[in-house]
Amino acid sequence: MKILLIEDEGELAASISDYLKSNQVICEGASTLASALDKIHLYDYDCILLDLNLPDGDGFRLLSELKKLDKSDGVIITSAKDTLPVRLEGLQLGADDFLTKPFHLSELLARIQALVRRKQFNGKNTVRFREIGIDLLSKTVNVNDTPVELTKKEMELLLFLVGNQNKVLSKGALAEHLSGDMADMLDNHGFVYAHIKNLKRKLSDAGSSDYIKTVYGLGYKWQA
């Protein structure tokens, strides 16, 4: 899961980022509206945490830009402005949820997980694809009820592939999802092939059919 945290309060941003990373969430940061706009033009996110009061502009502008770009990134507004007009404007502009500051970090994580489940997996806590079962809360996988031990990256890769079933995902998109904007600093995306290979082997060894298809010259897709 990859999150963009838009927050200009340094101490709060560090606290949220550390907590999310400790719960196996890739968390990138932006402290200004300008840097946040740059990031949404370059990358896709499972969820964006949006503070409205930014030093160089109103966070609502980002919601309008997402709509212009026709992007489907989930958005949770995090704001101390807890008034009905502010909530309504945020939701009407395309935000998915609103969390009033101050909040408990555990609730923030639960809201993020619920939003991602709604958008990618129809709100389910468990996902089943034929013989493969995935528990989204415990981050466990089984094939024909036999547990499969996956690394954190392999689990993220599996969820990304299943959540984008039948869509061709480029190596660049997979690298970005697994490593965030650090992917731009890598000379190649060979590590994506390594994770794909390991994931395919582990699922096959457990008795699963091969649903990860190579689309030569383009990338990979999950397909029955």
C-alpha atoms as a PDB file:
ATOM      1  CA  MET A   1       0.000   0.000   0.000  1.00  0.00           C
ATOM      2  CA  LYS A   2       1.379   3.393  -0.978  1.00  0.00           C
ATOM      3  CA  ILE A   3       0.294   6.620   0.726  1.00  0.00           C
ATOM      4  CA  LEU A   4       0.972  10.295   0.036  1.00  0.00           C
ATOM      5  CA  LEU A   5       0.979  12.302   3.271  1.00  0.00           C
ATOM      6  CA  ILE A   6       0.393  16.031   2.629  1.00  0.00           C
ATOM      7  CA  GLU A   7       1.115  17.740   5.925  1.00  0.00           C
ATOM      8  CA  ASP A   8       3.168  20.871   6.736  1.00  0.00           C
ATOM      9  CA  GLU A   9       3.464  20.304  10.505  1.00  0.00           C
ATOM     10  CA  GLY A  10       6.831  18.563  10.679  1.00  0.00           C
ATOM     11  CA  GLU A  11       6.382  16.786  14.012  1.00  0.00           C
ATOM     12  CA  LEU A  12       2.918  15.495  13.120  1.00  0.00           C
ATOM     13  CA  ALA A  13       4.071  14.391   9.660  1.00  0.00           C
ATOM     14  CA  ALA A  14       6.999  12.465  11.157  1.00  0.00           C
ATOM     15  CA  SER A  15       4.733  10.801  13.722  1.00  0.00           C
ATOM     16  CA  ILE A  16       2.199   9.701  11.088  1.00  0.00           C
ATOM     17  CA  SER A  17       4.905   8.551   8.684  1.00  0.00           C
ATOM     18  CA  ASP A  18       6.735   6.492  11.308  1.00  0.00           C
ATOM     19  CA  TYR A  19       3.506   4.840  12.439  1.00  0.00           C
ATOM     20  CA  LEU A  20       2.389   3.947   8.914  1.00  0.00           C
ATOM     21  CA  LYS A  21       5.818   2.606   7.978  1.00  0.00           C
ATOM     22  CA  SER A  22       5.825   0.445  11.114  1.00  0.00           C
ATOM     23  CA  ASN A  23       2.585  -1.057   9.773  1.00  0.00           C
ATOM     24  CA  GLN A  24       4.134  -1.928   6.401  1.00  0.00           C
ATOM     25  CA  VAL A  25       2.788   1.091   4.510  1.00  0.00           C
ATOM     26  CA  ILE A  26       4.949   2.969   2.010  1.00  0.00           C
ATOM     27  CA  CYS A  27       4.536   6.603   3.010  1.00  0.00           C
ATOM     28  CA  GLU A  28       5.767   9.523   0.909  1.00  0.00           C
ATOM     29  CA  GLY A  29       5.524  13.102   2.085  1.00  0.00           C
ATOM     30  CA  ALA A  30       4.779  16.590   0.783  1.00  0.00           C
ATOM     31  CA  SER A  31       4.749  19.709   2.970  1.00  0.00           C
ATOM     32  CA  THR A  32       3.510  22.184   0.370  1.00  0.00           C
ATOM     33  CA  LEU A  33       0.721  22.289  -2.189  1.00  0.00           C
ATOM     34  CA  ALA A  34       3.260  22.729  -5.005  1.00  0.00           C
ATOM     35  CA  SER A  35       5.218  19.585  -4.088  1.00  0.00           C
ATOM     36  CA  ALA A  36       1.986  17.628  -3.607  1.00  0.00           C
ATOM     37  CA  LEU A  37       0.742  18.674  -7.067  1.00  0.00           C
ATOM     38  CA  ASP A  38       4.060  17.580  -8.580  1.00  0.00           C
ATOM     39  CA  LYS A  39       3.734  14.166  -6.969  1.00  0.00           C
ATOM     40  CA  ILE A  40       0.166  13.467  -8.089  1.00  0.00           C
ATOM     41  CA  HIS A  41       1.172  14.301 -11.660  1.00  0.00           C
ATOM     42  CA  LEU A  42       4.057  11.836 -11.495  1.00  0.00           C
ATOM     43  CA  TYR A  43       2.734   8.997  -9.323  1.00  0.00           C
ATOM     44  CA  ASP A  44      -0.381   7.055  -8.350  1.00  0.00           C
ATOM     45  CA  TYR A  45      -1.324   6.392  -4.722  1.00  0.00           C
ATOM     46  CA  ASP A  46      -3.670   4.021  -2.946  1.00  0.00           C
ATOM     47  CA  CYS A  47      -4.599   6.842  -0.592  1.00  0.00           C
ATOM     48  CA  ILE A  48      -3.756  10.529  -0.158  1.00  0.00           C
ATOM     49  CA  LEU A  49      -3.892  12.104   3.314  1.00  0.00           C
ATOM     50  CA  LEU A  50      -4.682  15.760   2.674  1.00  0.00           C
ATOM     51  CA  ASP A  51      -4.254  18.639   5.101  1.00  0.00           C
ATOM     52  CA  LEU A  52      -6.257  21.660   3.931  1.00  0.00           C
ATOM     53  CA  ASN A  53      -4.134  24.456   5.441  1.00  0.00           C
ATOM     54  CA  LEU A  54      -0.885  24.446   3.483  1.00  0.00           C
ATOM     55  CA  PRO A  55       1.671  27.279   3.478  1.00  0.00           C
ATOM     56  CA  ASP A  56       1.310  27.968  -0.254  1.00  0.00           C
ATOM     57  CA  GLY A  57      -2.372  27.339  -0.871  1.00  0.00           C
ATOM     58  CA  ASP A  58      -5.640  25.609  -0.082  1.00  0.00           C
ATOM     59  CA  GLY A  59      -5.668  21.797  -0.098  1.00  0.00           C
ATOM     60  CA  PHE A  60      -8.974  21.857  -1.964  1.00  0.00           C
ATOM     61  CA  ARG A  61      -6.972  22.780  -5.069  1.00  0.00           C
ATOM     62  CA  LEU A  62      -5.438  19.324  -5.045  1.00  0.00           C
ATOM     63  CA  LEU A  63      -8.888  17.709  -5.131  1.00  0.00           C
ATOM     64  CA  SER A  64      -9.779  19.800  -8.175  1.00  0.00           C
ATOM     65  CA  GLU A  65      -6.529  18.795  -9.871  1.00  0.00           C
ATOM     66  CA  LEU A  66      -7.145  15.094  -9.220  1.00  0.00           C
ATOM     67  CA  LYS A  67     -10.541  15.488 -10.889  1.00  0.00           C
ATOM     68  CA  LYS A  68      -8.964  17.229 -13.905  1.00  0.00           C
ATOM     69  CA  LEU A  69      -6.446  14.397 -14.228  1.00  0.00           C
ATOM     70  CA  ASP A  70      -9.266  11.834 -13.915  1.00  0.00           C
ATOM     71  CA  LYS A  71      -7.321  10.018 -11.199  1.00  0.00           C
ATOM     72  CA  SER A  72      -8.869   7.533  -8.805  1.00  0.00           C
ATOM     73  CA  ASP A  73      -6.487   7.922  -5.838  1.00  0.00           C
ATOM     74  CA  GLY A  74      -8.438   7.702  -2.595  1.00  0.00           C
ATOM     75  CA  VAL A  75      -8.389  10.872  -0.464  1.00  0.00           C
ATOM     76  CA  ILE A  76      -8.846  11.321   3.283  1.00  0.00           C
ATOM     77  CA  ILE A  77      -8.921  14.948   4.425  1.00  0.00           C
ATOM     78  CA  THR A  78      -7.187  15.491   7.770  1.00  0.00           C
ATOM     79  CA  SER A  79      -8.091  18.915   9.138  1.00  0.00           C
ATOM     80  CA  ALA A  80      -8.771  20.866  12.305  1.00  0.00           C
ATOM     81  CA  LYS A  81     -11.543  22.664  10.387  1.00  0.00           C
ATOM     82  CA  ASP A  82     -14.449  20.534  11.573  1.00  0.00           C
ATOM     83  CA  THR A  83     -17.403  22.441  10.161  1.00  0.00           C
ATOM     84  CA  LEU A  84     -20.234  21.151   7.989  1.00  0.00           C
ATOM     85  CA  PRO A  85     -19.481  23.511   5.049  1.00  0.00           C
ATOM     86  CA  VAL A  86     -15.829  22.383   4.969  1.00  0.00           C
ATOM     87  CA  ARG A  87     -16.815  18.700   5.115  1.00  0.00           C
ATOM     88  CA  LEU A  88     -19.413  19.125   2.384  1.00  0.00           C
ATOM     89  CA  GLU A  89     -17.036  21.026   0.104  1.00  0.00           C
ATOM     90  CA  GLY A  90     -14.367  18.365   0.514  1.00  0.00           C
ATOM     91  CA  LEU A  91     -16.746  15.505  -0.229  1.00  0.00           C
ATOM     92  CA  GLN A  92     -18.311  17.321  -3.174  1.00  0.00           C
ATOM     93  CA  LEU A  93     -14.858  17.900  -4.662  1.00  0.00           C
ATOM     94  CA  GLY A  94     -14.125  14.184  -4.500  1.00  0.00           C
ATOM     95  CA  ALA A  95     -12.678  13.357  -1.066  1.00  0.00           C
ATOM     96  CA  ASP A  96     -13.638   9.929   0.253  1.00  0.00           C
ATOM     97  CA  ASP A  97     -13.405  10.572   3.978  1.00  0.00           C
ATOM     98  CA  PHE A  98     -12.782  13.322   6.554  1.00  0.00           C
ATOM     99  CA  LEU A  99     -10.829  12.892   9.783  1.00  0.00           C
ATOM    100  CA  THR A 100     -10.733  15.725  12.318  1.00  0.00           C
ATOM    101  CA  LYS A 101      -7.468  16.653  14.039  1.00  0.00           C
ATOM    102  CA  PRO A 102      -6.353  15.562  16.545  1.00  0.00           C
ATOM    103  CA  PHE A 103      -6.902  11.873  15.838  1.00  0.00           C
ATOM    104  CA  HIS A 104      -5.540   8.534  16.989  1.00  0.00           C
ATOM    105  CA  LEU A 105      -3.037   7.004  14.595  1.00  0.00           C
ATOM    106  CA  SER A 106      -4.729   3.622  14.929  1.00  0.00           C
ATOM    107  CA  GLU A 107      -7.990   5.159  13.669  1.00  0.00           C
ATOM    108  CA  LEU A 108      -6.168   6.799  10.762  1.00  0.00           C
ATOM    109  CA  LEU A 109      -4.711   3.438   9.710  1.00  0.00           C
ATOM    110  CA  ALA A 110      -8.134   1.787  10.013  1.00  0.00           C
ATOM    111  CA  ARG A 111      -9.685   4.505   7.814  1.00  0.00           C
ATOM    112  CA  ILE A 112      -6.936   4.057   5.203  1.00  0.00           C
ATOM    113  CA  GLN A 113      -7.381   0.281   5.157  1.00  0.00           C
ATOM    114  CA  ALA A 114     -11.172   0.616   4.879  1.00  0.00           C
ATOM    115  CA  LEU A 115     -10.841   3.082   1.988  1.00  0.00           C
ATOM    116  CA  VAL A 116      -8.456   0.826   0.073  1.00  0.00           C
ATOM    117  CA  ARG A 117     -10.759  -2.161   0.633  1.00  0.00           C
ATOM    118  CA  ARG A 118     -13.736  -0.186  -0.682  1.00  0.00           C
ATOM    119  CA  LYS A 119     -11.901   0.987  -3.782  1.00  0.00           C
ATOM    120  CA  GLN A 120     -10.028  -2.178  -4.710  1.00  0.00           C
ATOM    121  CA  PHE A 121     -11.874  -5.086  -3.106  1.00  0.00           C
ATOM    122  CA  ASN A 122     -15.513  -3.981  -2.720  1.00  0.00           C
ATOM    123  CA  GLY A 123     -15.118  -3.423   1.010  1.00  0.00           C
ATOM    124  CA  LYS A 124     -14.174  -7.019   1.789  1.00  0.00           C
ATOM    125  CA  ASN A 125     -11.682  -7.998   4.491  1.00  0.00           C
ATOM    126  CA  THR A 126     -10.898 -11.210   2.633  1.00  0.00           C
ATOM    127  CA  VAL A 127     -10.365 -11.714  -1.070  1.00  0.00           C
ATOM    128  CA  ARG A 128     -10.720 -15.033  -2.859  1.00  0.00           C
ATOM    129  CA  PHE A 129      -9.531 -15.715  -6.366  1.00  0.00           C
ATOM    130  CA  ARG A 130     -10.290 -19.335  -7.178  1.00  0.00           C
ATOM    131  CA  GLU A 131      -7.981 -21.412  -4.958  1.00  0.00           C
ATOM    132  CA  ILE A 132      -6.179 -18.367  -3.492  1.00  0.00           C
ATOM    133  CA  GLY A 133      -7.437 -16.673  -0.330  1.00  0.00           C
ATOM    134  CA  ILE A 134      -6.061 -13.364   0.968  1.00  0.00           C
ATOM    135  CA  ASP A 135      -6.828 -11.900   4.397  1.00  0.00           C
ATOM    136  CA  LEU A 136      -6.361  -8.137   4.018  1.00  0.00           C
ATOM    137  CA  LEU A 137      -6.241  -7.440   7.748  1.00  0.00           C
ATOM    138  CA  SER A 138      -3.763 -10.107   8.839  1.00  0.00           C
ATOM    139  CA  LYS A 139      -1.861  -9.925   5.507  1.00  0.00           C
ATOM    140  CA  THR A 140      -1.886 -13.703   5.123  1.00  0.00           C
ATOM    141  CA  VAL A 141      -2.343 -15.871   2.032  1.00  0.00           C
ATOM    142  CA  ASN A 142      -3.452 -19.445   1.558  1.00  0.00           C
ATOM    143  CA  VAL A 143      -3.818 -21.765  -1.425  1.00  0.00           C
ATOM    144  CA  ASN A 144      -6.516 -24.403  -0.966  1.00  0.00           C
ATOM    145  CA  ASP A 145      -6.421 -23.493   2.755  1.00  0.00           C
ATOM    146  CA  THR A 146      -2.665 -24.148   2.959  1.00  0.00           C
ATOM    147  CA  PRO A 147      -0.748 -21.094   4.283  1.00  0.00           C
ATOM    148  CA  VAL A 148       1.805 -19.491   1.961  1.00  0.00           C
ATOM    149  CA  GLU A 149       4.651 -17.503   3.519  1.00  0.00           C
ATOM    150  CA  LEU A 150       5.206 -14.282   1.582  1.00  0.00           C
ATOM    151  CA  THR A 151       7.554 -11.398   2.226  1.00  0.00           C
ATOM    152  CA  LYS A 152       6.150  -7.889   2.686  1.00  0.00           C
ATOM    153  CA  LYS A 153       7.040  -6.957  -0.904  1.00  0.00           C
ATOM    154  CA  GLU A 154       5.553 -10.162  -2.296  1.00  0.00           C
ATOM    155  CA  MET A 155       2.311  -9.503  -0.438  1.00  0.00           C
ATOM    156  CA  GLU A 156       2.171  -5.920  -1.746  1.00  0.00           C
ATOM    157  CA  LEU A 157       2.834  -7.212  -5.252  1.00  0.00           C
ATOM    158  CA  LEU A 158       0.098  -9.855  -4.996  1.00  0.00           C
ATOM    159  CA  LEU A 159      -2.485  -7.340  -3.740  1.00  0.00           C
ATOM    160  CA  PHE A 160      -1.557  -4.844  -6.456  1.00  0.00           C
ATOM    161  CA  LEU A 161      -1.873  -7.472  -9.190  1.00  0.00           C
ATOM    162  CA  VAL A 162      -5.158  -8.907  -7.890  1.00  0.00           C
ATOM    163  CA  GLY A 163      -6.587  -5.421  -7.275  1.00  0.00           C
ATOM    164  CA  ASN A 164      -5.853  -4.540 -10.918  1.00  0.00           C
ATOM    165  CA  GLN A 165      -7.047  -7.795 -12.413  1.00  0.00           C
ATOM    166  CA  ASN A 166      -6.790  -7.985 -16.225  1.00  0.00           C
ATOM    167  CA  LYS A 167      -4.907  -4.674 -16.398  1.00  0.00           C
ATOM    168  CA  VAL A 168      -1.388  -4.573 -17.826  1.00  0.00           C
ATOM    169  CA  LEU A 169       0.973  -3.113 -15.228  1.00  0.00           C
ATOM    170  CA  SER A 170       4.332  -1.871 -16.460  1.00  0.00           C
ATOM    171  CA  LYS A 171       7.546  -2.710 -14.634  1.00  0.00           C
ATOM    172  CA  GLY A 172       7.802   0.992 -13.842  1.00  0.00           C
ATOM    173  CA  ALA A 173       4.354   1.050 -12.231  1.00  0.00           C
ATOM    174  CA  LEU A 174       5.178  -2.068 -10.210  1.00  0.00           C
ATOM    175  CA  ALA A 175       8.536  -0.627  -9.136  1.00  0.00           C
ATOM    176  CA  GLU A 176       6.859   2.622  -8.077  1.00  0.00           C
ATOM    177  CA  HIS A 177       4.201   0.755  -6.093  1.00  0.00           C
ATOM    178  CA  LEU A 178       6.793  -1.355  -4.278  1.00  0.00           C
ATOM    179  CA  SER A 179       9.389   1.352  -3.671  1.00  0.00           C
ATOM    180  CA  GLY A 180       7.590   4.685  -3.962  1.00  0.00           C
ATOM    181  CA  ASP A 181       9.397   7.592  -5.618  1.00  0.00           C
ATOM    182  CA  MET A 182      12.711   5.848  -4.813  1.00  0.00           C
ATOM    183  CA  ALA A 183      12.027   3.863  -7.995  1.00  0.00           C
ATOM    184  CA  ASP A 184      13.129   6.908 -10.013  1.00  0.00           C
ATOM    185  CA  MET A 185      16.617   6.624  -8.518  1.00  0.00           C
ATOM    186  CA  LEU A 186      17.135   3.008  -9.586  1.00  0.00           C
ATOM    187  CA  ASP A 187      19.140   2.183 -12.693  1.00  0.00           C
ATOM    188  CA  ASN A 188      16.762  -0.638 -13.623  1.00  0.00           C
ATOM    189  CA  HIS A 189      13.700  -2.471 -12.364  1.00  0.00           C
ATOM    190  CA  GLY A 190      15.293  -5.895 -12.148  1.00  0.00           C
ATOM    191  CA  PHE A 191      14.057  -6.301  -8.585  1.00  0.00           C
ATOM    192  CA  VAL A 192      10.480  -6.374  -9.945  1.00  0.00           C
ATOM    193  CA  TYR A 193      11.312  -9.465 -12.011  1.00  0.00           C
ATOM    194  CA  ALA A 194      12.879 -11.083  -8.926  1.00  0.00           C
ATOM    195  CA  HIS A 195       9.752 -10.459  -6.812  1.00  0.00           C
ATOM    196  CA  ILE A 196       7.481 -11.690  -9.636  1.00  0.00           C
ATOM    197  CA  LYS A 197       9.562 -14.844 -10.003  1.00  0.00           C
ATOM    198  CA  ASN A 198       9.532 -15.566  -6.252  1.00  0.00           C
ATOM    199  CA  LEU A 199       5.800 -14.910  -5.944  1.00  0.00           C
ATOM    200  CA  LYS A 200       4.984 -17.181  -8.884  1.00  0.00           C
ATOM    201  CA  ARG A 201       7.184 -19.938  -7.437  1.00  0.00           C
ATOM    202  CA  LYS A 202       5.667 -19.784  -3.950  1.00  0.00           C
ATOM    203  CA  LEU A 203       2.093 -19.846  -5.252  1.00  0.00           C
ATOM    204  CA  SER A 204       2.907 -22.683  -7.654  1.00  0.00           C
ATOM    205  CA  ASP A 205       4.638 -24.728  -4.949  1.00  0.00           C
ATOM    206  CA  ALA A 206       1.476 -24.407  -2.838  1.00  0.00           C
ATOM    207  CA  GLY A 207      -0.658 -25.771  -5.687  1.00  0.00           C
ATOM    208  CA  SER A 208      -1.923 -22.594  -7.346  1.00  0.00           C
ATOM    209  CA  SER A 209      -2.348 -22.137 -11.069  1.00  0.00           C
ATOM    210  CA  ASP A 210      -0.242 -19.405 -12.700  1.00  0.00           C
ATOM    211  CA  TYR A 211      -2.304 -16.217 -12.988  1.00  0.00           C
ATOM    212  CA  ILE A 212       0.625 -13.806 -13.439  1.00  0.00           C
ATOM    213  CA  LYS A 213       0.981 -13.343 -17.167  1.00  0.00           C
ATOM    214  CA  THR A 214       3.951 -11.678 -18.856  1.00  0.00           C
ATOM    215  CA  VAL A 215       2.974  -9.151 -21.507  1.00  0.00           C
ATOM    216  CA  TYR A 216       6.201  -8.915 -23.472  1.00  0.00           C
ATOM    217  CA  GLY A 217       7.521  -5.409 -23.894  1.00  0.00           C
ATOM    218  CA  LEU A 218       4.848  -3.987 -21.566  1.00  0.00           C
ATOM    219  CA  GLY A 219       4.815  -5.663 -18.150  1.00  0.00           C
ATOM    220  CA  TYR A 220       2.602  -8.100 -16.266  1.00  0.00           C
ATOM    221  CA  LYS A 221      -1.058  -8.715 -15.543  1.00  0.00           C
ATOM    222  CA  TRP A 222      -3.165 -10.937 -13.290  1.00  0.00           C
ATOM    223  CA  GLN A 223      -5.481 -13.013 -15.448  1.00  0.00           C
ATOM    224  CA  ALA A 224      -7.311 -16.319 -15.141  1.00  0.00           C
END
